[in-house]
């Protein structure tokens, strides 16, 4: 009787471990720009990386000098913030969860996006 209970407890623990592993193995956390953080000329930072929906991008920067704006493709290409279609982050330590498909981010400080402070990420 005790042997059956031990097997059931062991099986339950294994299932819980597998569930926890599956949950964390699907989501990654990435610091945009690496050690340099969210700064000018970060546009190619993501090349060679694969991203999934649910991954977290961490934007580290000086909030007195920069911000992060989630924009659409038009805003990304033109380095503009479309009215009503954007979310502005300005804490200096922003964590943004990627959605499936295209994710576009720019700095809205004049001249920064044009200097490469923008990224376009495709999450599968």
PDB file of N, CA and C in Angstrom:
ATOM      1  N   UNK A   1       0.817  -1.194   0.000  1.00  0.00           N
ATOM      2  CA  UNK A   1       0.000   0.000   0.000  1.00  0.00           C
ATOM      3  C   UNK A   1       0.864   1.263   0.000  1.00  0.00           C
ATOM      4  N   UNK A   2       1.880   1.308   0.865  1.00  0.00           N
ATOM      5  CA  UNK A   2       2.771   2.465   0.922  1.00  0.00           C
ATOM      6  C   UNK A   2       3.564   2.585  -0.368  1.00  0.00           C
ATOM      7  N   UNK A   3       3.906   1.447  -0.965  1.00  0.00           N
ATOM      8  CA  UNK A   3       4.674   1.462  -2.214  1.00  0.00           C
ATOM      9  C   UNK A   3       3.867   2.134  -3.328  1.00  0.00           C
ATOM     10  N   UNK A   4       2.603   1.879  -3.433  1.00  0.00           N
ATOM     11  CA  UNK A   4       1.738   2.493  -4.434  1.00  0.00           C
ATOM     12  C   UNK A   4       1.630   3.999  -4.231  1.00  0.00           C
ATOM     13  N   UNK A   5       1.541   4.400  -2.969  1.00  0.00           N
ATOM     14  CA  UNK A   5       1.464   5.828  -2.658  1.00  0.00           C
ATOM     15  C   UNK A   5       2.774   6.531  -3.027  1.00  0.00           C
ATOM     16  N   UNK A   6       3.914   5.898  -2.762  1.00  0.00           N
ATOM     17  CA  UNK A   6       5.219   6.462  -3.114  1.00  0.00           C
ATOM     18  C   UNK A   6       5.348   6.637  -4.631  1.00  0.00           C
ATOM     19  N   UNK A   7       4.870   5.670  -5.374  1.00  0.00           N
ATOM     20  CA  UNK A   7       4.920   5.762  -6.837  1.00  0.00           C
ATOM     21  C   UNK A   7       4.037   6.922  -7.315  1.00  0.00           C
ATOM     22  N   UNK A   8       2.864   7.068  -6.723  1.00  0.00           N
ATOM     23  CA  UNK A   8       1.953   8.150  -7.112  1.00  0.00           C
ATOM     24  C   UNK A   8       2.568   9.512  -6.796  1.00  0.00           C
ATOM     25  N   UNK A   9       3.209   9.645  -5.651  1.00  0.00           N
ATOM     26  CA  UNK A   9       3.850  10.915  -5.278  1.00  0.00           C
ATOM     27  C   UNK A   9       5.008  11.209  -6.230  1.00  0.00           C
ATOM     28  N   UNK A  10       5.811  10.203  -6.534  1.00  0.00           N
ATOM     29  CA  UNK A  10       6.928  10.381  -7.455  1.00  0.00           C
ATOM     30  C   UNK A  10       6.437  10.789  -8.837  1.00  0.00           C
ATOM     31  N   UNK A  11       5.383  10.143  -9.306  1.00  0.00           N
ATOM     32  CA  UNK A  11       4.818  10.474 -10.612  1.00  0.00           C
ATOM     33  C   UNK A  11       4.292  11.904 -10.624  1.00  0.00           C
ATOM     34  N   UNK A  12       3.635  12.330  -9.559  1.00  0.00           N
ATOM     35  CA  UNK A  12       3.111  13.684  -9.464  1.00  0.00           C
ATOM     36  C   UNK A  12       4.236  14.709  -9.500  1.00  0.00           C
ATOM     37  N   UNK A  13       5.306  14.440  -8.771  1.00  0.00           N
ATOM     38  CA  UNK A  13       6.450  15.348  -8.750  1.00  0.00           C
ATOM     39  C   UNK A  13       7.073  15.438 -10.142  1.00  0.00           C
ATOM     40  N   UNK A  14       7.210  14.317 -10.820  1.00  0.00           N
ATOM     41  CA  UNK A  14       7.777  14.320 -12.174  1.00  0.00           C
ATOM     42  C   UNK A  14       6.912  15.121 -13.147  1.00  0.00           C
ATOM     43  N   UNK A  15       5.614  14.945 -13.071  1.00  0.00           N
ATOM     44  CA  UNK A  15       4.705  15.690 -13.953  1.00  0.00           C
ATOM     45  C   UNK A  15       4.826  17.190 -13.674  1.00  0.00           C
ATOM     46  N   UNK A  16       4.878  17.583 -12.412  1.00  0.00           N
ATOM     47  CA  UNK A  16       5.020  19.003 -12.064  1.00  0.00           C
ATOM     48  C   UNK A  16       6.334  19.568 -12.602  1.00  0.00           C
ATOM     49  N   UNK A  17       7.410  18.801 -12.474  1.00  0.00           N
ATOM     50  CA  UNK A  17       8.708  19.244 -12.993  1.00  0.00           C
ATOM     51  C   UNK A  17       8.662  19.406 -14.502  1.00  0.00           C
ATOM     52  N   UNK A  18       8.035  18.473 -15.187  1.00  0.00           N
ATOM     53  CA  UNK A  18       7.921  18.562 -16.642  1.00  0.00           C
ATOM     54  C   UNK A  18       7.104  19.780 -17.058  1.00  0.00           C
ATOM     55  N   UNK A  19       6.020  20.034 -16.354  1.00  0.00           N
ATOM     56  CA  UNK A  19       5.192  21.197 -16.675  1.00  0.00           C
ATOM     57  C   UNK A  19       5.956  22.494 -16.459  1.00  0.00           C
ATOM     58  N   UNK A  20       6.693  22.584 -15.376  1.00  0.00           N
ATOM     59  CA  UNK A  20       7.485  23.779 -15.109  1.00  0.00           C
ATOM     60  C   UNK A  20       8.566  23.948 -16.170  1.00  0.00           C
ATOM     61  N   UNK A  21       9.208  22.861 -16.544  1.00  0.00           N
ATOM     62  CA  UNK A  21      10.257  22.913 -17.557  1.00  0.00           C
ATOM     63  C   UNK A  21       9.676  23.349 -18.904  1.00  0.00           C
ATOM     64  N   UNK A  22       8.554  22.828 -19.279  1.00  0.00           N
ATOM     65  CA  UNK A  22       7.932  23.189 -20.560  1.00  0.00           C
ATOM     66  C   UNK A  22       7.567  24.661 -20.587  1.00  0.00           C
ATOM     67  N   UNK A  23       7.052  25.165 -19.478  1.00  0.00           N
ATOM     68  CA  UNK A  23       6.647  26.562 -19.414  1.00  0.00           C
ATOM     69  C   UNK A  23       7.841  27.489 -19.566  1.00  0.00           C
ATOM     70  N   UNK A  24       8.938  27.210 -18.865  1.00  0.00           N
ATOM     71  CA  UNK A  24      10.088  28.084 -18.929  1.00  0.00           C
ATOM     72  C   UNK A  24      10.917  27.863 -20.180  1.00  0.00           C
ATOM     73  N   UNK A  25      10.834  26.689 -20.786  1.00  0.00           N
ATOM     74  CA  UNK A  25      11.646  26.448 -21.967  1.00  0.00           C
ATOM     75  C   UNK A  25      11.081  27.156 -23.197  1.00  0.00           C
ATOM     76  N   UNK A  26       9.851  27.563 -23.154  1.00  0.00           N
ATOM     77  CA  UNK A  26       9.247  28.238 -24.293  1.00  0.00           C
ATOM     78  C   UNK A  26       9.440  29.744 -24.251  1.00  0.00           C
ATOM     79  N   UNK A  27       9.677  30.300 -23.090  1.00  0.00           N
ATOM     80  CA  UNK A  27       9.837  31.745 -22.974  1.00  0.00           C
ATOM     81  C   UNK A  27      11.285  32.072 -22.651  1.00  0.00           C
ATOM     82  N   UNK A  28      11.822  33.021 -23.398  1.00  0.00           N
ATOM     83  CA  UNK A  28      13.178  33.478 -23.137  1.00  0.00           C
ATOM     84  C   UNK A  28      13.159  34.942 -22.772  1.00  0.00           C
ATOM     85  N   UNK A  29      14.221  35.383 -22.125  1.00  0.00           N
ATOM     86  CA  UNK A  29      14.377  36.794 -21.779  1.00  0.00           C
ATOM     87  C   UNK A  29      15.649  37.290 -22.440  1.00  0.00           C
ATOM     88  N   UNK A  30      15.533  38.374 -23.180  1.00  0.00           N
ATOM     89  CA  UNK A  30      16.645  38.916 -23.960  1.00  0.00           C
ATOM     90  C   UNK A  30      16.833  40.392 -23.642  1.00  0.00           C
ATOM     91  N   UNK A  31      18.050  40.773 -23.322  1.00  0.00           N
ATOM     92  CA  UNK A  31      18.359  42.174 -23.075  1.00  0.00           C
ATOM     93  C   UNK A  31      18.738  42.828 -24.397  1.00  0.00           C
ATOM     94  N   UNK A  32      17.922  43.759 -24.834  1.00  0.00           N
ATOM     95  CA  UNK A  32      18.132  44.429 -26.115  1.00  0.00           C
ATOM     96  C   UNK A  32      19.458  45.203 -26.067  1.00  0.00           C
ATOM     97  N   UNK A  33      20.308  44.936 -27.048  1.00  0.00           N
ATOM     98  CA  UNK A  33      21.599  45.608 -27.123  1.00  0.00           C
ATOM     99  C   UNK A  33      22.679  44.965 -26.275  1.00  0.00           C
ATOM    100  N   UNK A  34      22.330  43.873 -25.587  1.00  0.00           N
ATOM    101  CA  UNK A  34      23.314  43.208 -24.728  1.00  0.00           C
ATOM    102  C   UNK A  34      23.778  44.133 -23.613  1.00  0.00           C
ATOM    103  N   UNK A  35      25.075  44.108 -23.332  1.00  0.00           N
ATOM    104  CA  UNK A  35      25.635  44.896 -22.235  1.00  0.00           C
ATOM    105  C   UNK A  35      25.494  46.404 -22.469  1.00  0.00           C
ATOM    106  N   UNK A  36      25.445  46.825 -23.741  1.00  0.00           N
ATOM    107  CA  UNK A  36      25.301  48.253 -24.052  1.00  0.00           C
ATOM    108  C   UNK A  36      23.897  48.756 -23.780  1.00  0.00           C
ATOM    109  N   UNK A  37      22.922  47.857 -23.834  1.00  0.00           N
ATOM    110  CA  UNK A  37      21.536  48.253 -23.614  1.00  0.00           C
ATOM    111  C   UNK A  37      20.901  48.895 -24.836  1.00  0.00           C
ATOM    112  N   UNK A  38      19.765  49.513 -24.610  1.00  0.00           N
ATOM    113  CA  UNK A  38      18.980  50.187 -25.655  1.00  0.00           C
ATOM    114  C   UNK A  38      19.653  51.525 -25.936  1.00  0.00           C
ATOM    115  N   UNK A  39      20.354  51.589 -27.059  1.00  0.00           N
ATOM    116  CA  UNK A  39      21.145  52.766 -27.388  1.00  0.00           C
ATOM    117  C   UNK A  39      21.188  52.969 -28.894  1.00  0.00           C
ATOM    118  N   UNK A  40      21.872  53.986 -29.341  1.00  0.00           N
ATOM    119  CA  UNK A  40      22.002  54.259 -30.767  1.00  0.00           C
ATOM    120  C   UNK A  40      22.680  53.085 -31.470  1.00  0.00           C
ATOM    121  N   UNK A  41      22.321  52.869 -32.714  1.00  0.00           N
ATOM    122  CA  UNK A  41      22.884  51.834 -33.576  1.00  0.00           C
ATOM    123  C   UNK A  41      22.673  50.413 -33.047  1.00  0.00           C
ATOM    124  N   UNK A  42      21.522  50.163 -32.449  1.00  0.00           N
ATOM    125  CA  UNK A  42      21.179  48.826 -31.945  1.00  0.00           C
ATOM    126  C   UNK A  42      20.345  48.051 -32.970  1.00  0.00           C
ATOM    127  N   UNK A  43      20.106  48.664 -34.116  1.00  0.00           N
ATOM    128  CA  UNK A  43      19.188  48.134 -35.122  1.00  0.00           C
ATOM    129  C   UNK A  43      19.470  46.678 -35.492  1.00  0.00           C
ATOM    130  N   UNK A  44      20.713  46.226 -35.524  1.00  0.00           N
ATOM    131  CA  UNK A  44      21.021  44.850 -35.923  1.00  0.00           C
ATOM    132  C   UNK A  44      21.258  43.903 -34.765  1.00  0.00           C
ATOM    133  N   UNK A  45      21.002  44.330 -33.555  1.00  0.00           N
ATOM    134  CA  UNK A  45      21.279  43.535 -32.366  1.00  0.00           C
ATOM    135  C   UNK A  45      20.662  42.138 -32.430  1.00  0.00           C
ATOM    136  N   UNK A  46      19.492  41.998 -32.974  1.00  0.00           N
ATOM    137  CA  UNK A  46      18.752  40.742 -32.948  1.00  0.00           C
ATOM    138  C   UNK A  46      19.132  39.770 -34.061  1.00  0.00           C
ATOM    139  N   UNK A  47      19.969  40.167 -34.992  1.00  0.00           N
ATOM    140  CA  UNK A  47      20.319  39.287 -36.112  1.00  0.00           C
ATOM    141  C   UNK A  47      20.910  37.972 -35.598  1.00  0.00           C
ATOM    142  N   UNK A  48      20.430  36.871 -36.155  1.00  0.00           N
ATOM    143  CA  UNK A  48      20.914  35.555 -35.766  1.00  0.00           C
ATOM    144  C   UNK A  48      20.198  34.954 -34.574  1.00  0.00           C
ATOM    145  N   UNK A  49      19.266  35.686 -33.993  1.00  0.00           N
ATOM    146  CA  UNK A  49      18.495  35.176 -32.856  1.00  0.00           C
ATOM    147  C   UNK A  49      17.102  34.782 -33.335  1.00  0.00           C
ATOM    148  N   UNK A  50      16.527  33.801 -32.653  1.00  0.00           N
ATOM    149  CA  UNK A  50      15.149  33.390 -32.927  1.00  0.00           C
ATOM    150  C   UNK A  50      14.293  33.766 -31.729  1.00  0.00           C
ATOM    151  N   UNK A  51      13.115  34.280 -31.999  1.00  0.00           N
ATOM    152  CA  UNK A  51      12.216  34.720 -30.936  1.00  0.00           C
ATOM    153  C   UNK A  51      10.874  34.026 -31.065  1.00  0.00           C
ATOM    154  N   UNK A  52      10.247  33.807 -29.921  1.00  0.00           N
ATOM    155  CA  UNK A  52       8.924  33.188 -29.876  1.00  0.00           C
ATOM    156  C   UNK A  52       7.951  34.135 -29.194  1.00  0.00           C
ATOM    157  N   UNK A  53       6.686  33.998 -29.540  1.00  0.00           N
ATOM    158  CA  UNK A  53       5.656  34.752 -28.830  1.00  0.00           C
ATOM    159  C   UNK A  53       5.752  34.396 -27.351  1.00  0.00           C
ATOM    160  N   UNK A  54       5.712  35.383 -26.504  1.00  0.00           N
ATOM    161  CA  UNK A  54       5.850  35.173 -25.064  1.00  0.00           C
ATOM    162  C   UNK A  54       7.241  35.479 -24.543  1.00  0.00           C
ATOM    163  N   UNK A  55       8.250  35.532 -25.430  1.00  0.00           N
ATOM    164  CA  UNK A  55       9.587  35.933 -25.003  1.00  0.00           C
ATOM    165  C   UNK A  55       9.524  37.359 -24.483  1.00  0.00           C
ATOM    166  N   UNK A  56      10.446  37.684 -23.593  1.00  0.00           N
ATOM    167  CA  UNK A  56      10.500  39.012 -22.989  1.00  0.00           C
ATOM    168  C   UNK A  56      11.732  39.756 -23.500  1.00  0.00           C
ATOM    169  N   UNK A  57      11.517  40.973 -23.981  1.00  0.00           N
ATOM    170  CA  UNK A  57      12.629  41.852 -24.318  1.00  0.00           C
ATOM    171  C   UNK A  57      12.807  42.831 -23.161  1.00  0.00           C
ATOM    172  N   UNK A  58      14.042  42.963 -22.700  1.00  0.00           N
ATOM    173  CA  UNK A  58      14.365  43.897 -21.623  1.00  0.00           C
ATOM    174  C   UNK A  58      15.101  45.075 -22.253  1.00  0.00           C
ATOM    175  N   UNK A  59      14.567  46.257 -22.045  1.00  0.00           N
ATOM    176  CA  UNK A  59      15.169  47.481 -22.575  1.00  0.00           C
ATOM    177  C   UNK A  59      15.775  48.251 -21.400  1.00  0.00           C
ATOM    178  N   UNK A  60      17.105  48.283 -21.321  1.00  0.00           N
ATOM    179  CA  UNK A  60      17.813  49.034 -20.285  1.00  0.00           C
ATOM    180  C   UNK A  60      18.382  50.305 -20.905  1.00  0.00           C
ATOM    181  N   UNK A  61      18.068  51.457 -20.311  1.00  0.00           N
ATOM    182  CA  UNK A  61      18.502  52.739 -20.868  1.00  0.00           C
ATOM    183  C   UNK A  61      18.319  53.834 -19.834  1.00  0.00           C
ATOM    184  N   UNK A  62      18.896  54.993 -20.118  1.00  0.00           N
ATOM    185  CA  UNK A  62      18.732  56.171 -19.277  1.00  0.00           C
ATOM    186  C   UNK A  62      17.405  56.830 -19.652  1.00  0.00           C
ATOM    187  N   UNK A  63      16.412  56.831 -18.753  1.00  0.00           N
ATOM    188  CA  UNK A  63      15.103  57.394 -19.102  1.00  0.00           C
ATOM    189  C   UNK A  63      15.113  58.914 -19.310  1.00  0.00           C
ATOM    190  N   UNK A  64      16.163  59.580 -18.895  1.00  0.00           N
ATOM    191  CA  UNK A  64      16.258  61.021 -19.151  1.00  0.00           C
ATOM    192  C   UNK A  64      16.701  61.288 -20.588  1.00  0.00           C
ATOM    193  N   UNK A  65      17.234  60.244 -21.254  1.00  0.00           N
ATOM    194  CA  UNK A  65      17.764  60.437 -22.604  1.00  0.00           C
ATOM    195  C   UNK A  65      17.001  59.674 -23.681  1.00  0.00           C
ATOM    196  N   UNK A  66      16.265  58.623 -23.295  1.00  0.00           N
ATOM    197  CA  UNK A  66      15.621  57.753 -24.276  1.00  0.00           C
ATOM    198  C   UNK A  66      14.244  57.302 -23.792  1.00  0.00           C
ATOM    199  N   UNK A  67      13.535  56.610 -24.677  1.00  0.00           N
ATOM    200  CA  UNK A  67      12.311  55.903 -24.341  1.00  0.00           C
ATOM    201  C   UNK A  67      12.208  54.705 -25.280  1.00  0.00           C
ATOM    202  N   UNK A  68      11.166  53.918 -25.118  1.00  0.00           N
ATOM    203  CA  UNK A  68      10.872  52.805 -26.025  1.00  0.00           C
ATOM    204  C   UNK A  68       9.421  52.973 -26.436  1.00  0.00           C
ATOM    205  N   UNK A  69       9.176  52.912 -27.739  1.00  0.00           N
ATOM    206  CA  UNK A  69       7.815  53.033 -28.230  1.00  0.00           C
ATOM    207  C   UNK A  69       7.521  51.835 -29.120  1.00  0.00           C
ATOM    208  N   UNK A  70       6.456  51.128 -28.789  1.00  0.00           N
ATOM    209  CA  UNK A  70       5.983  50.024 -29.624  1.00  0.00           C
ATOM    210  C   UNK A  70       5.130  50.641 -30.728  1.00  0.00           C
ATOM    211  N   UNK A  71       5.563  50.443 -31.974  1.00  0.00           N
ATOM    212  CA  UNK A  71       4.882  51.068 -33.108  1.00  0.00           C
ATOM    213  C   UNK A  71       4.503  50.015 -34.147  1.00  0.00           C
ATOM    214  N   UNK A  72       3.774  50.444 -35.162  1.00  0.00           N
ATOM    215  CA  UNK A  72       3.450  49.559 -36.282  1.00  0.00           C
ATOM    216  C   UNK A  72       4.545  49.687 -37.348  1.00  0.00           C
ATOM    217  N   UNK A  73       4.402  48.954 -38.439  1.00  0.00           N
ATOM    218  CA  UNK A  73       5.419  48.961 -39.503  1.00  0.00           C
ATOM    219  C   UNK A  73       5.627  50.365 -40.079  1.00  0.00           C
ATOM    220  N   UNK A  74       4.542  51.108 -40.257  1.00  0.00           N
ATOM    221  CA  UNK A  74       4.653  52.462 -40.810  1.00  0.00           C
ATOM    222  C   UNK A  74       5.487  53.344 -39.884  1.00  0.00           C
ATOM    223  N   UNK A  75       5.194  53.288 -38.590  1.00  0.00           N
ATOM    224  CA  UNK A  75       5.953  54.071 -37.620  1.00  0.00           C
ATOM    225  C   UNK A  75       7.417  53.673 -37.589  1.00  0.00           C
ATOM    226  N   UNK A  76       7.670  52.366 -37.701  1.00  0.00           N
ATOM    227  CA  UNK A  76       9.046  51.866 -37.708  1.00  0.00           C
ATOM    228  C   UNK A  76       9.794  52.385 -38.941  1.00  0.00           C
ATOM    229  N   UNK A  77       9.202  52.213 -40.106  1.00  0.00           N
ATOM    230  CA  UNK A  77       9.876  52.618 -41.346  1.00  0.00           C
ATOM    231  C   UNK A  77      10.102  54.125 -41.425  1.00  0.00           C
ATOM    232  N   UNK A  78       9.153  54.910 -40.931  1.00  0.00           N
ATOM    233  CA  UNK A  78       9.244  56.366 -41.019  1.00  0.00           C
ATOM    234  C   UNK A  78       9.872  56.998 -39.772  1.00  0.00           C
ATOM    235  N   UNK A  79      10.158  56.173 -38.755  1.00  0.00           N
ATOM    236  CA  UNK A  79      10.670  56.689 -37.473  1.00  0.00           C
ATOM    237  C   UNK A  79       9.728  57.746 -36.897  1.00  0.00           C
ATOM    238  N   UNK A  80       8.443  57.415 -36.899  1.00  0.00           N
ATOM    239  CA  UNK A  80       7.427  58.297 -36.330  1.00  0.00           C
ATOM    240  C   UNK A  80       6.547  57.507 -35.366  1.00  0.00           C
ATOM    241  N   UNK A  81       5.889  58.222 -34.494  1.00  0.00           N
ATOM    242  CA  UNK A  81       4.968  57.608 -33.540  1.00  0.00           C
ATOM    243  C   UNK A  81       3.548  57.869 -34.036  1.00  0.00           C
ATOM    244  N   UNK A  82       2.889  56.837 -34.591  1.00  0.00           N
ATOM    245  CA  UNK A  82       1.518  57.012 -35.063  1.00  0.00           C
ATOM    246  C   UNK A  82       0.578  57.357 -33.905  1.00  0.00           C
ATOM    247  N   UNK A  83      -0.314  58.291 -34.148  1.00  0.00           N
ATOM    248  CA  UNK A  83      -1.272  58.699 -33.115  1.00  0.00           C
ATOM    249  C   UNK A  83      -2.172  57.552 -32.700  1.00  0.00           C
ATOM    250  N   UNK A  84      -2.247  57.309 -31.407  1.00  0.00           N
ATOM    251  CA  UNK A  84      -3.161  56.320 -30.864  1.00  0.00           C
ATOM    252  C   UNK A  84      -2.808  54.865 -31.123  1.00  0.00           C
ATOM    253  N   UNK A  85      -1.774  54.604 -31.892  1.00  0.00           N
ATOM    254  CA  UNK A  85      -1.441  53.221 -32.245  1.00  0.00           C
ATOM    255  C   UNK A  85      -0.146  52.765 -31.583  1.00  0.00           C
ATOM    256  N   UNK A  86       0.284  53.463 -30.543  1.00  0.00           N
ATOM    257  CA  UNK A  86       1.579  53.175 -29.950  1.00  0.00           C
ATOM    258  C   UNK A  86       1.495  53.121 -28.437  1.00  0.00           C
ATOM    259  N   UNK A  87       2.418  52.362 -27.860  1.00  0.00           N
ATOM    260  CA  UNK A  87       2.559  52.327 -26.407  1.00  0.00           C
ATOM    261  C   UNK A  87       3.948  52.852 -26.092  1.00  0.00           C
ATOM    262  N   UNK A  88       4.031  53.824 -25.192  1.00  0.00           N
ATOM    263  CA  UNK A  88       5.305  54.438 -24.824  1.00  0.00           C
ATOM    264  C   UNK A  88       5.743  53.903 -23.467  1.00  0.00           C
ATOM    265  N   UNK A  89       7.004  53.488 -23.405  1.00  0.00           N
ATOM    266  CA  UNK A  89       7.619  53.011 -22.165  1.00  0.00           C
ATOM    267  C   UNK A  89       8.740  53.984 -21.813  1.00  0.00           C
ATOM    268  N   UNK A  90       8.909  54.271 -20.524  1.00  0.00           N
ATOM    269  CA  UNK A  90       9.920  55.264 -20.158  1.00  0.00           C
ATOM    270  C   UNK A  90      10.514  55.046 -18.771  1.00  0.00           C
ATOM    271  N   UNK A  91      10.568  53.789 -18.307  1.00  0.00           N
ATOM    272  CA  UNK A  91      11.115  53.535 -16.967  1.00  0.00           C
ATOM    273  C   UNK A  91      12.630  53.374 -16.964  1.00  0.00           C
ATOM    274  N   UNK A  92      13.206  53.018 -18.107  1.00  0.00           N
ATOM    275  CA  UNK A  92      14.639  52.736 -18.173  1.00  0.00           C
ATOM    276  C   UNK A  92      14.963  51.273 -17.938  1.00  0.00           C
ATOM    277  N   UNK A  93      13.963  50.502 -17.525  1.00  0.00           N
ATOM    278  CA  UNK A  93      14.116  49.061 -17.323  1.00  0.00           C
ATOM    279  C   UNK A  93      12.814  48.372 -17.734  1.00  0.00           C
ATOM    280  N   UNK A  94      12.439  48.577 -18.983  1.00  0.00           N
ATOM    281  CA  UNK A  94      11.163  48.076 -19.473  1.00  0.00           C
ATOM    282  C   UNK A  94      11.269  46.624 -19.919  1.00  0.00           C
ATOM    283  N   UNK A  95      10.278  45.830 -19.554  1.00  0.00           N
ATOM    284  CA  UNK A  95      10.183  44.439 -19.983  1.00  0.00           C
ATOM    285  C   UNK A  95       8.919  44.299 -20.814  1.00  0.00           C
ATOM    286  N   UNK A  96       9.101  43.905 -22.079  1.00  0.00           N
ATOM    287  CA  UNK A  96       7.984  43.852 -23.015  1.00  0.00           C
ATOM    288  C   UNK A  96       7.867  42.440 -23.570  1.00  0.00           C
ATOM    289  N   UNK A  97       6.664  41.880 -23.458  1.00  0.00           N
ATOM    290  CA  UNK A  97       6.408  40.530 -23.965  1.00  0.00           C
ATOM    291  C   UNK A  97       6.088  40.592 -25.452  1.00  0.00           C
ATOM    292  N   UNK A  98       6.784  39.761 -26.225  1.00  0.00           N
ATOM    293  CA  UNK A  98       6.554  39.720 -27.669  1.00  0.00           C
ATOM    294  C   UNK A  98       5.252  39.007 -27.997  1.00  0.00           C
ATOM    295  N   UNK A  99       4.567  39.518 -29.000  1.00  0.00           N
ATOM    296  CA  UNK A  99       3.376  38.861 -29.522  1.00  0.00           C
ATOM    297  C   UNK A  99       3.765  38.122 -30.801  1.00  0.00           C
ATOM    298  N   UNK A 100       2.959  37.164 -31.191  1.00  0.00           N
ATOM    299  CA  UNK A 100       3.215  36.413 -32.423  1.00  0.00           C
ATOM    300  C   UNK A 100       3.169  37.363 -33.619  1.00  0.00           C
ATOM    301  N   UNK A 101       4.152  37.252 -34.489  1.00  0.00           N
ATOM    302  CA  UNK A 101       4.221  38.100 -35.675  1.00  0.00           C
ATOM    303  C   UNK A 101       5.239  39.205 -35.502  1.00  0.00           C
ATOM    304  N   UNK A 102       4.991  40.312 -36.158  1.00  0.00           N
ATOM    305  CA  UNK A 102       5.920  41.438 -36.170  1.00  0.00           C
ATOM    306  C   UNK A 102       5.776  42.295 -34.911  1.00  0.00           C
ATOM    307  N   UNK A 103       6.915  42.691 -34.350  1.00  0.00           N
ATOM    308  CA  UNK A 103       6.994  43.572 -33.188  1.00  0.00           C
ATOM    309  C   UNK A 103       7.999  44.667 -33.545  1.00  0.00           C
ATOM    310  N   UNK A 104       7.569  45.917 -33.493  1.00  0.00           N
ATOM    311  CA  UNK A 104       8.426  47.039 -33.892  1.00  0.00           C
ATOM    312  C   UNK A 104       8.618  47.976 -32.702  1.00  0.00           C
ATOM    313  N   UNK A 105       9.876  48.394 -32.478  1.00  0.00           N
ATOM    314  CA  UNK A 105      10.193  49.295 -31.373  1.00  0.00           C
ATOM    315  C   UNK A 105      11.140  50.382 -31.860  1.00  0.00           C
ATOM    316  N   UNK A 106      10.882  51.605 -31.414  1.00  0.00           N
ATOM    317  CA  UNK A 106      11.751  52.732 -31.751  1.00  0.00           C
ATOM    318  C   UNK A 106      11.959  53.582 -30.503  1.00  0.00           C
ATOM    319  N   UNK A 107      12.968  54.451 -30.560  1.00  0.00           N
ATOM    320  CA  UNK A 107      13.113  55.524 -29.579  1.00  0.00           C
ATOM    321  C   UNK A 107      12.519  56.761 -30.241  1.00  0.00           C
ATOM    322  N   UNK A 108      11.642  57.474 -29.525  1.00  0.00           N
ATOM    323  CA  UNK A 108      10.958  58.617 -30.134  1.00  0.00           C
ATOM    324  C   UNK A 108      11.703  59.935 -29.945  1.00  0.00           C
ATOM    325  N   UNK A 109      12.844  59.917 -29.284  1.00  0.00           N
ATOM    326  CA  UNK A 109      13.625  61.151 -29.137  1.00  0.00           C
ATOM    327  C   UNK A 109      14.120  61.556 -30.528  1.00  0.00           C
ATOM    328  N   UNK A 110      13.933  62.814 -30.923  1.00  0.00           N
ATOM    329  CA  UNK A 110      14.309  63.240 -32.276  1.00  0.00           C
ATOM    330  C   UNK A 110      15.737  62.825 -32.658  1.00  0.00           C
ATOM    331  N   UNK A 111      15.843  62.168 -33.823  1.00  0.00           N
ATOM    332  CA  UNK A 111      17.121  61.747 -34.368  1.00  0.00           C
ATOM    333  C   UNK A 111      17.599  60.382 -33.921  1.00  0.00           C
ATOM    334  N   UNK A 112      17.061  59.855 -32.844  1.00  0.00           N
ATOM    335  CA  UNK A 112      17.552  58.579 -32.320  1.00  0.00           C
ATOM    336  C   UNK A 112      17.161  57.397 -33.196  1.00  0.00           C
ATOM    337  N   UNK A 113      15.904  57.324 -33.596  1.00  0.00           N
ATOM    338  CA  UNK A 113      15.466  56.239 -34.475  1.00  0.00           C
ATOM    339  C   UNK A 113      16.255  56.275 -35.784  1.00  0.00           C
ATOM    340  N   UNK A 114      16.431  57.457 -36.328  1.00  0.00           N
ATOM    341  CA  UNK A 114      17.179  57.612 -37.575  1.00  0.00           C
ATOM    342  C   UNK A 114      18.640  57.195 -37.410  1.00  0.00           C
ATOM    343  N   UNK A 115      19.133  57.201 -36.172  1.00  0.00           N
ATOM    344  CA  UNK A 115      20.507  56.781 -35.875  1.00  0.00           C
ATOM    345  C   UNK A 115      20.578  55.306 -35.479  1.00  0.00           C
ATOM    346  N   UNK A 116      19.536  54.557 -35.809  1.00  0.00           N
ATOM    347  CA  UNK A 116      19.561  53.107 -35.588  1.00  0.00           C
ATOM    348  C   UNK A 116      19.007  52.636 -34.264  1.00  0.00           C
ATOM    349  N   UNK A 117      18.318  53.509 -33.537  1.00  0.00           N
ATOM    350  CA  UNK A 117      17.726  53.099 -32.266  1.00  0.00           C
ATOM    351  C   UNK A 117      16.312  52.598 -32.522  1.00  0.00           C
ATOM    352  N   UNK A 118      16.276  51.445 -33.213  1.00  0.00           N
ATOM    353  CA  UNK A 118      15.009  50.796 -33.544  1.00  0.00           C
ATOM    354  C   UNK A 118      15.290  49.332 -33.846  1.00  0.00           C
ATOM    355  N   UNK A 119      14.297  48.487 -33.544  1.00  0.00           N
ATOM    356  CA  UNK A 119      14.412  47.067 -33.871  1.00  0.00           C
ATOM    357  C   UNK A 119      13.065  46.547 -34.363  1.00  0.00           C
ATOM    358  N   UNK A 120      13.141  45.593 -35.265  1.00  0.00           N
ATOM    359  CA  UNK A 120      11.950  44.889 -35.768  1.00  0.00           C
ATOM    360  C   UNK A 120      12.169  43.420 -35.490  1.00  0.00           C
ATOM    361  N   UNK A 121      11.311  42.828 -34.684  1.00  0.00           N
ATOM    362  CA  UNK A 121      11.438  41.431 -34.259  1.00  0.00           C
ATOM    363  C   UNK A 121      10.242  40.649 -34.761  1.00  0.00           C
ATOM    364  N   UNK A 122      10.494  39.495 -35.351  1.00  0.00           N
ATOM    365  CA  UNK A 122       9.414  38.582 -35.730  1.00  0.00           C
ATOM    366  C   UNK A 122       9.420  37.426 -34.735  1.00  0.00           C
ATOM    367  N   UNK A 123       8.299  37.248 -34.053  1.00  0.00           N
ATOM    368  CA  UNK A 123       8.151  36.152 -33.082  1.00  0.00           C
ATOM    369  C   UNK A 123       7.247  35.082 -33.663  1.00  0.00           C
ATOM    370  N   UNK A 124       7.694  33.844 -33.570  1.00  0.00           N
ATOM    371  CA  UNK A 124       6.888  32.727 -34.108  1.00  0.00           C
ATOM    372  C   UNK A 124       6.069  32.084 -33.005  1.00  0.00           C
TER     373      UNK A 124
END
